[in-house]
């Protein structure tokens, strides 16, 4: 695996040489736009709005649209001048309790691997943070962009979680949510019982992308049939009607879960994962 960033973690007078590796990988199906008649791939051209002429890449430039239709051009030197200092440094500005960070701020995780020379300091920082239940808040430049980040211990590793800046989050007050209490006492007790009957151990490996699997089956079917097979339509779900009696619905749901042994539910979950 290739490191996407190499530099040092610094806190106080301590510097730890490290490399950062992506902790996630996207395994998405990729599609091309084609012409229906002969499946010829469609390519896109760079065309200027002013005259509709195609623009060679060598003649393109980046510009900021400060108002509709008005631009200020930016040269490479402008980006260099604005680039934040510490491109190869991840300086911890402060430590905070991880529980204080709203999960909405977390964006993308990276594994942090120490250089051999920094192994001792790496382990010291990792263990000290684990024992004090804090994470380090830092800024880091990755691929020419500055990010806010949280450095946290996870087992034997340090994990760097890129964070959203606060002004990147949409104000939650614009979202409408019910202000009344969630049901009467009986409904609440039944809802809590239903939730309790569905609680199980976290087993992330048992969850799969069902849509991707089904789409691959459709693709395989069309290939086997010489690209002539029609697409299979999933059974349409009936629209949910208004729930008139919440207590009745909760009781029926709870009864259904209580009649199934817990071991059977776990086995079924593992079967679906296979």
Foldseek 3Di string as FASTA:
>chain_A
DDFQAWAWEDEDHDTFTKTKAFPDDDDDDDDFDADVVPRHGDDDFCADPVPRDGDDPVPDFDWDPPDVPDTDTDDPVNLVVPQDPDQRYWYFPDKDAPVVDDPQFFDGKIWMGTDPVRLVVQQVVQVVCVVVRIWTWTWYAGPSDIFIWTWHHDVSTIMITTTDDPVVDDDPVVDDDDPDDDDDPLLVVLVVLLVVLPDDDDDPLLDDDVVRVLVVVQVVVCVVVVNPDDGDDDDDDDDDDDDPDSNVVSVVSSVVSVVDDPVNVVVVSNVSSD
